[in-house]
């Protein structure tokens, strides 16, 4: 049984962008606000260090339609 609150996105329909040099205080909502002007966001993924519980300094944004990138 899945532990997701909703099903994972269909990544075949997404175009992603890696964003580097982020502060450790960056949030999903901040990245959404910055990048949603380029099109509907499918997801924002910020990897966290399992030991320090801080951002690893990069993230991935994915748009639902490639025509917006």
PDB file of N, CA and C in Angstrom:
ATOM      1  N   UNK A   1       0.839  -1.180   0.000  1.00  0.00           N
ATOM      2  CA  UNK A   1       0.000   0.000   0.000  1.00  0.00           C
ATOM      3  C   UNK A   1       0.884   1.243   0.000  1.00  0.00           C
ATOM      4  N   UNK A   2       0.510   2.224  -0.781  1.00  0.00           N
ATOM      5  CA  UNK A   2       1.275   3.454  -0.914  1.00  0.00           C
ATOM      6  C   UNK A   2       1.106   4.354   0.307  1.00  0.00           C
ATOM      7  N   UNK A   3       2.186   5.056   0.663  1.00  0.00           N
ATOM      8  CA  UNK A   3       2.116   6.005   1.774  1.00  0.00           C
ATOM      9  C   UNK A   3       1.927   7.434   1.278  1.00  0.00           C
ATOM     10  N   UNK A   4       1.760   7.622  -0.038  1.00  0.00           N
ATOM     11  CA  UNK A   4       1.546   8.948  -0.593  1.00  0.00           C
ATOM     12  C   UNK A   4       0.155   9.449  -0.250  1.00  0.00           C
ATOM     13  N   UNK A   5       0.032  10.749  -0.008  1.00  0.00           N
ATOM     14  CA  UNK A   5      -1.276  11.356   0.173  1.00  0.00           C
ATOM     15  C   UNK A   5      -2.004  11.465  -1.162  1.00  0.00           C
ATOM     16  N   UNK A   6      -1.235  11.592  -2.210  1.00  0.00           N
ATOM     17  CA  UNK A   6      -1.781  11.606  -3.561  1.00  0.00           C
ATOM     18  C   UNK A   6      -0.830  10.802  -4.442  1.00  0.00           C
ATOM     19  N   UNK A   7      -1.275  10.349  -5.587  1.00  0.00           N
ATOM     20  CA  UNK A   7      -0.377   9.558  -6.434  1.00  0.00           C
ATOM     21  C   UNK A   7       0.787  10.402  -6.928  1.00  0.00           C
ATOM     22  N   UNK A   8       1.946   9.798  -7.147  1.00  0.00           N
ATOM     23  CA  UNK A   8       3.079  10.560  -7.672  1.00  0.00           C
ATOM     24  C   UNK A   8       2.755  11.086  -9.067  1.00  0.00           C
ATOM     25  N   UNK A   9       3.363  12.203  -9.461  1.00  0.00           N
ATOM     26  CA  UNK A   9       3.068  12.764 -10.775  1.00  0.00           C
ATOM     27  C   UNK A   9       3.566  11.854 -11.890  1.00  0.00           C
ATOM     28  N   UNK A  10       2.936  11.966 -13.029  1.00  0.00           N
ATOM     29  CA  UNK A  10       3.390  11.257 -14.222  1.00  0.00           C
ATOM     30  C   UNK A  10       4.601  12.013 -14.757  1.00  0.00           C
ATOM     31  N   UNK A  11       5.796  11.545 -14.459  1.00  0.00           N
ATOM     32  CA  UNK A  11       7.008  12.281 -14.805  1.00  0.00           C
ATOM     33  C   UNK A  11       7.271  12.303 -16.301  1.00  0.00           C
ATOM     34  N   UNK A  12       6.573  11.465 -17.053  1.00  0.00           N
ATOM     35  CA  UNK A  12       6.731  11.493 -18.498  1.00  0.00           C
ATOM     36  C   UNK A  12       6.224  12.785 -19.109  1.00  0.00           C
ATOM     37  N   UNK A  13       5.342  13.486 -18.412  1.00  0.00           N
ATOM     38  CA  UNK A  13       4.778  14.741 -18.903  1.00  0.00           C
ATOM     39  C   UNK A  13       5.432  15.967 -18.271  1.00  0.00           C
ATOM     40  N   UNK A  14       6.546  15.765 -17.573  1.00  0.00           N
ATOM     41  CA  UNK A  14       7.190  16.862 -16.856  1.00  0.00           C
ATOM     42  C   UNK A  14       8.562  17.185 -17.440  1.00  0.00           C
ATOM     43  N   UNK A  15       8.905  18.440 -17.375  1.00  0.00           N
ATOM     44  CA  UNK A  15      10.242  18.912 -17.717  1.00  0.00           C
ATOM     45  C   UNK A  15      10.837  19.484 -16.439  1.00  0.00           C
ATOM     46  N   UNK A  16      12.030  19.020 -16.058  1.00  0.00           N
ATOM     47  CA  UNK A  16      12.590  19.470 -14.785  1.00  0.00           C
ATOM     48  C   UNK A  16      13.826  20.339 -14.986  1.00  0.00           C
ATOM     49  N   UNK A  17      14.095  21.136 -13.976  1.00  0.00           N
ATOM     50  CA  UNK A  17      15.228  22.050 -13.962  1.00  0.00           C
ATOM     51  C   UNK A  17      15.899  21.945 -12.599  1.00  0.00           C
ATOM     52  N   UNK A  18      17.211  21.747 -12.607  1.00  0.00           N
ATOM     53  CA  UNK A  18      17.966  21.735 -11.357  1.00  0.00           C
ATOM     54  C   UNK A  18      18.406  23.155 -11.050  1.00  0.00           C
ATOM     55  N   UNK A  19      18.199  23.571  -9.805  1.00  0.00           N
ATOM     56  CA  UNK A  19      18.575  24.910  -9.351  1.00  0.00           C
ATOM     57  C   UNK A  19      19.641  24.743  -8.272  1.00  0.00           C
ATOM     58  N   UNK A  20      20.816  25.344  -8.475  1.00  0.00           N
ATOM     59  CA  UNK A  20      21.939  25.223  -7.541  1.00  0.00           C
ATOM     60  C   UNK A  20      22.121  26.483  -6.702  1.00  0.00           C
ATOM     61  N   UNK A  21      23.015  26.383  -5.721  1.00  0.00           N
ATOM     62  CA  UNK A  21      23.434  27.498  -4.870  1.00  0.00           C
ATOM     63  C   UNK A  21      22.287  28.090  -4.056  1.00  0.00           C
ATOM     64  N   UNK A  22      21.441  27.228  -3.511  1.00  0.00           N
ATOM     65  CA  UNK A  22      20.327  27.684  -2.688  1.00  0.00           C
ATOM     66  C   UNK A  22      20.751  27.755  -1.222  1.00  0.00           C
ATOM     67  N   UNK A  23      20.146  28.672  -0.502  1.00  0.00           N
ATOM     68  CA  UNK A  23      20.386  28.777   0.918  1.00  0.00           C
ATOM     69  C   UNK A  23      19.765  27.586   1.640  1.00  0.00           C
ATOM     70  N   UNK A  24      20.247  27.277   2.813  1.00  0.00           N
ATOM     71  CA  UNK A  24      19.687  26.153   3.563  1.00  0.00           C
ATOM     72  C   UNK A  24      18.318  26.485   4.151  1.00  0.00           C
ATOM     73  N   UNK A  25      17.882  27.730   4.014  1.00  0.00           N
ATOM     74  CA  UNK A  25      16.571  28.138   4.530  1.00  0.00           C
ATOM     75  C   UNK A  25      15.511  28.230   3.433  1.00  0.00           C
ATOM     76  N   UNK A  26      15.826  27.768   2.230  1.00  0.00           N
ATOM     77  CA  UNK A  26      14.861  27.833   1.130  1.00  0.00           C
ATOM     78  C   UNK A  26      13.684  26.896   1.417  1.00  0.00           C
ATOM     79  N   UNK A  27      12.511  27.280   0.948  1.00  0.00           N
ATOM     80  CA  UNK A  27      11.325  26.451   1.169  1.00  0.00           C
ATOM     81  C   UNK A  27      10.676  26.100  -0.175  1.00  0.00           C
ATOM     82  N   UNK A  28       9.834  25.078  -0.138  1.00  0.00           N
ATOM     83  CA  UNK A  28       9.093  24.689  -1.328  1.00  0.00           C
ATOM     84  C   UNK A  28       8.225  25.831  -1.828  1.00  0.00           C
ATOM     85  N   UNK A  29       7.564  26.511  -0.911  1.00  0.00           N
ATOM     86  CA  UNK A  29       6.656  27.586  -1.312  1.00  0.00           C
ATOM     87  C   UNK A  29       7.413  28.752  -1.950  1.00  0.00           C
ATOM     88  N   UNK A  30       8.600  29.047  -1.463  1.00  0.00           N
ATOM     89  CA  UNK A  30       9.408  30.118  -2.059  1.00  0.00           C
ATOM     90  C   UNK A  30       9.785  29.768  -3.490  1.00  0.00           C
ATOM     91  N   UNK A  31      10.241  28.537  -3.698  1.00  0.00           N
ATOM     92  CA  UNK A  31      10.611  28.126  -5.053  1.00  0.00           C
ATOM     93  C   UNK A  31       9.396  28.114  -5.972  1.00  0.00           C
ATOM     94  N   UNK A  32       8.256  27.673  -5.469  1.00  0.00           N
ATOM     95  CA  UNK A  32       7.031  27.707  -6.278  1.00  0.00           C
ATOM     96  C   UNK A  32       6.698  29.135  -6.704  1.00  0.00           C
ATOM     97  N   UNK A  33       6.782  30.071  -5.766  1.00  0.00           N
ATOM     98  CA  UNK A  33       6.476  31.476  -6.073  1.00  0.00           C
ATOM     99  C   UNK A  33       7.416  32.033  -7.137  1.00  0.00           C
ATOM    100  N   UNK A  34       8.676  31.659  -7.060  1.00  0.00           N
ATOM    101  CA  UNK A  34       9.668  32.164  -8.018  1.00  0.00           C
ATOM    102  C   UNK A  34       9.435  31.597  -9.410  1.00  0.00           C
ATOM    103  N   UNK A  35       9.157  30.294  -9.498  1.00  0.00           N
ATOM    104  CA  UNK A  35       9.142  29.620 -10.795  1.00  0.00           C
ATOM    105  C   UNK A  35       7.763  29.413 -11.409  1.00  0.00           C
ATOM    106  N   UNK A  36       6.680  29.647 -10.671  1.00  0.00           N
ATOM    107  CA  UNK A  36       5.357  29.401 -11.250  1.00  0.00           C
ATOM    108  C   UNK A  36       5.001  30.403 -12.342  1.00  0.00           C
ATOM    109  N   UNK A  37       5.722  31.505 -12.428  1.00  0.00           N
ATOM    110  CA  UNK A  37       5.451  32.452 -13.517  1.00  0.00           C
ATOM    111  C   UNK A  37       5.833  31.884 -14.880  1.00  0.00           C
ATOM    112  N   UNK A  38       6.602  30.777 -14.901  1.00  0.00           N
ATOM    113  CA  UNK A  38       6.987  30.134 -16.154  1.00  0.00           C
ATOM    114  C   UNK A  38       6.044  29.016 -16.560  1.00  0.00           C
ATOM    115  N   UNK A  39       5.044  28.738 -15.744  1.00  0.00           N
ATOM    116  CA  UNK A  39       4.070  27.709 -16.069  1.00  0.00           C
ATOM    117  C   UNK A  39       3.661  26.937 -14.833  1.00  0.00           C
ATOM    118  N   UNK A  40       2.675  26.067 -14.992  1.00  0.00           N
ATOM    119  CA  UNK A  40       2.181  25.302 -13.845  1.00  0.00           C
ATOM    120  C   UNK A  40       3.231  24.315 -13.332  1.00  0.00           C
ATOM    121  N   UNK A  41       3.535  24.390 -12.053  1.00  0.00           N
ATOM    122  CA  UNK A  41       4.556  23.553 -11.423  1.00  0.00           C
ATOM    123  C   UNK A  41       3.968  22.183 -11.109  1.00  0.00           C
ATOM    124  N   UNK A  42       4.673  21.137 -11.531  1.00  0.00           N
ATOM    125  CA  UNK A  42       4.262  19.778 -11.195  1.00  0.00           C
ATOM    126  C   UNK A  42       4.722  19.397  -9.806  1.00  0.00           C
ATOM    127  N   UNK A  43       5.971  19.712  -9.483  1.00  0.00           N
ATOM    128  CA  UNK A  43       6.486  19.471  -8.140  1.00  0.00           C
ATOM    129  C   UNK A  43       7.766  20.264  -7.918  1.00  0.00           C
ATOM    130  N   UNK A  44       8.113  20.432  -6.655  1.00  0.00           N
ATOM    131  CA  UNK A  44       9.383  21.004  -6.225  1.00  0.00           C
ATOM    132  C   UNK A  44      10.006  19.994  -5.285  1.00  0.00           C
ATOM    133  N   UNK A  45      11.251  19.618  -5.534  1.00  0.00           N
ATOM    134  CA  UNK A  45      11.937  18.650  -4.679  1.00  0.00           C
ATOM    135  C   UNK A  45      13.223  19.283  -4.153  1.00  0.00           C
ATOM    136  N   UNK A  46      13.336  19.370  -2.844  1.00  0.00           N
ATOM    137  CA  UNK A  46      14.538  19.896  -2.193  1.00  0.00           C
ATOM    138  C   UNK A  46      15.145  18.753  -1.384  1.00  0.00           C
ATOM    139  N   UNK A  47      16.292  18.221  -1.794  1.00  0.00           N
ATOM    140  CA  UNK A  47      16.933  17.156  -1.011  1.00  0.00           C
ATOM    141  C   UNK A  47      17.454  17.697   0.315  1.00  0.00           C
ATOM    142  N   UNK A  48      17.280  16.917   1.376  1.00  0.00           N
ATOM    143  CA  UNK A  48      17.739  17.295   2.705  1.00  0.00           C
ATOM    144  C   UNK A  48      18.832  16.348   3.159  1.00  0.00           C
ATOM    145  N   UNK A  49      19.820  16.874   3.848  1.00  0.00           N
ATOM    146  CA  UNK A  49      20.868  16.057   4.439  1.00  0.00           C
ATOM    147  C   UNK A  49      20.279  15.302   5.632  1.00  0.00           C
ATOM    148  N   UNK A  50      20.449  14.003   5.656  1.00  0.00           N
ATOM    149  CA  UNK A  50      19.810  13.202   6.713  1.00  0.00           C
ATOM    150  C   UNK A  50      20.466  13.403   8.081  1.00  0.00           C
ATOM    151  N   UNK A  51      21.697  13.902   8.116  1.00  0.00           N
ATOM    152  CA  UNK A  51      22.375  14.111   9.395  1.00  0.00           C
ATOM    153  C   UNK A  51      22.134  15.504   9.964  1.00  0.00           C
ATOM    154  N   UNK A  52      22.226  16.523   9.107  1.00  0.00           N
ATOM    155  CA  UNK A  52      22.078  17.906   9.580  1.00  0.00           C
ATOM    156  C   UNK A  52      20.637  18.406   9.490  1.00  0.00           C
ATOM    157  N   UNK A  53      19.803  17.724   8.705  1.00  0.00           N
ATOM    158  CA  UNK A  53      18.411  18.128   8.472  1.00  0.00           C
ATOM    159  C   UNK A  53      18.319  19.493   7.789  1.00  0.00           C
ATOM    160  N   UNK A  54      19.337  19.841   7.012  1.00  0.00           N
ATOM    161  CA  UNK A  54      19.346  21.088   6.254  1.00  0.00           C
ATOM    162  C   UNK A  54      19.331  20.782   4.758  1.00  0.00           C
ATOM    163  N   UNK A  55      18.947  21.772   3.986  1.00  0.00           N
ATOM    164  CA  UNK A  55      18.952  21.645   2.541  1.00  0.00           C
ATOM    165  C   UNK A  55      20.371  21.360   2.063  1.00  0.00           C
ATOM    166  N   UNK A  56      20.478  20.558   1.015  1.00  0.00           N
ATOM    167  CA  UNK A  56      21.787  20.249   0.442  1.00  0.00           C
ATOM    168  C   UNK A  56      22.238  21.309  -0.558  1.00  0.00           C
ATOM    169  N   UNK A  57      21.474  22.382  -0.710  1.00  0.00           N
ATOM    170  CA  UNK A  57      21.896  23.505  -1.543  1.00  0.00           C
ATOM    171  C   UNK A  57      21.409  23.476  -2.976  1.00  0.00           C
ATOM    172  N   UNK A  58      20.573  22.509  -3.315  1.00  0.00           N
ATOM    173  CA  UNK A  58      20.011  22.476  -4.662  1.00  0.00           C
ATOM    174  C   UNK A  58      18.591  21.934  -4.602  1.00  0.00           C
ATOM    175  N   UNK A  59      17.879  22.109  -5.714  1.00  0.00           N
ATOM    176  CA  UNK A  59      16.491  21.640  -5.790  1.00  0.00           C
ATOM    177  C   UNK A  59      16.162  21.335  -7.241  1.00  0.00           C
ATOM    178  N   UNK A  60      15.057  20.648  -7.428  1.00  0.00           N
ATOM    179  CA  UNK A  60      14.521  20.378  -8.757  1.00  0.00           C
ATOM    180  C   UNK A  60      13.104  20.921  -8.820  1.00  0.00           C
ATOM    181  N   UNK A  61      12.821  21.658  -9.894  1.00  0.00           N
ATOM    182  CA  UNK A  61      11.472  22.130 -10.191  1.00  0.00           C
ATOM    183  C   UNK A  61      11.028  21.404 -11.448  1.00  0.00           C
ATOM    184  N   UNK A  62       9.775  21.034 -11.509  1.00  0.00           N
ATOM    185  CA  UNK A  62       9.266  20.382 -12.712  1.00  0.00           C
ATOM    186  C   UNK A  62       7.970  21.046 -13.146  1.00  0.00           C
ATOM    187  N   UNK A  63       7.876  21.300 -14.442  1.00  0.00           N
ATOM    188  CA  UNK A  63       6.689  21.911 -15.016  1.00  0.00           C
ATOM    189  C   UNK A  63       5.840  20.849 -15.673  1.00  0.00           C
ATOM    190  N   UNK A  64       4.529  21.076 -15.660  1.00  0.00           N
ATOM    191  CA  UNK A  64       3.593  20.106 -16.206  1.00  0.00           C
ATOM    192  C   UNK A  64       3.653  20.005 -17.725  1.00  0.00           C
ATOM    193  N   UNK A  65       3.887  21.091 -18.394  1.00  0.00           N
ATOM    194  CA  UNK A  65       3.934  21.087 -19.862  1.00  0.00           C
ATOM    195  C   UNK A  65       5.239  21.685 -20.329  1.00  0.00           C
ATOM    196  N   UNK A  66       5.925  21.014 -21.220  1.00  0.00           N
ATOM    197  CA  UNK A  66       7.225  21.497 -21.676  1.00  0.00           C
ATOM    198  C   UNK A  66       7.154  22.806 -22.453  1.00  0.00           C
ATOM    199  N   UNK A  67       6.014  23.192 -22.930  1.00  0.00           N
ATOM    200  CA  UNK A  67       5.909  24.441 -23.691  1.00  0.00           C
ATOM    201  C   UNK A  67       6.119  25.672 -22.814  1.00  0.00           C
ATOM    202  N   UNK A  68       6.035  25.521 -21.502  1.00  0.00           N
ATOM    203  CA  UNK A  68       6.226  26.662 -20.603  1.00  0.00           C
ATOM    204  C   UNK A  68       7.680  26.915 -20.255  1.00  0.00           C
ATOM    205  N   UNK A  69       8.579  25.979 -20.535  1.00  0.00           N
ATOM    206  CA  UNK A  69       9.994  26.120 -20.138  1.00  0.00           C
ATOM    207  C   UNK A  69      10.775  26.923 -21.146  1.00  0.00           C
TER     208      UNK A  69
END
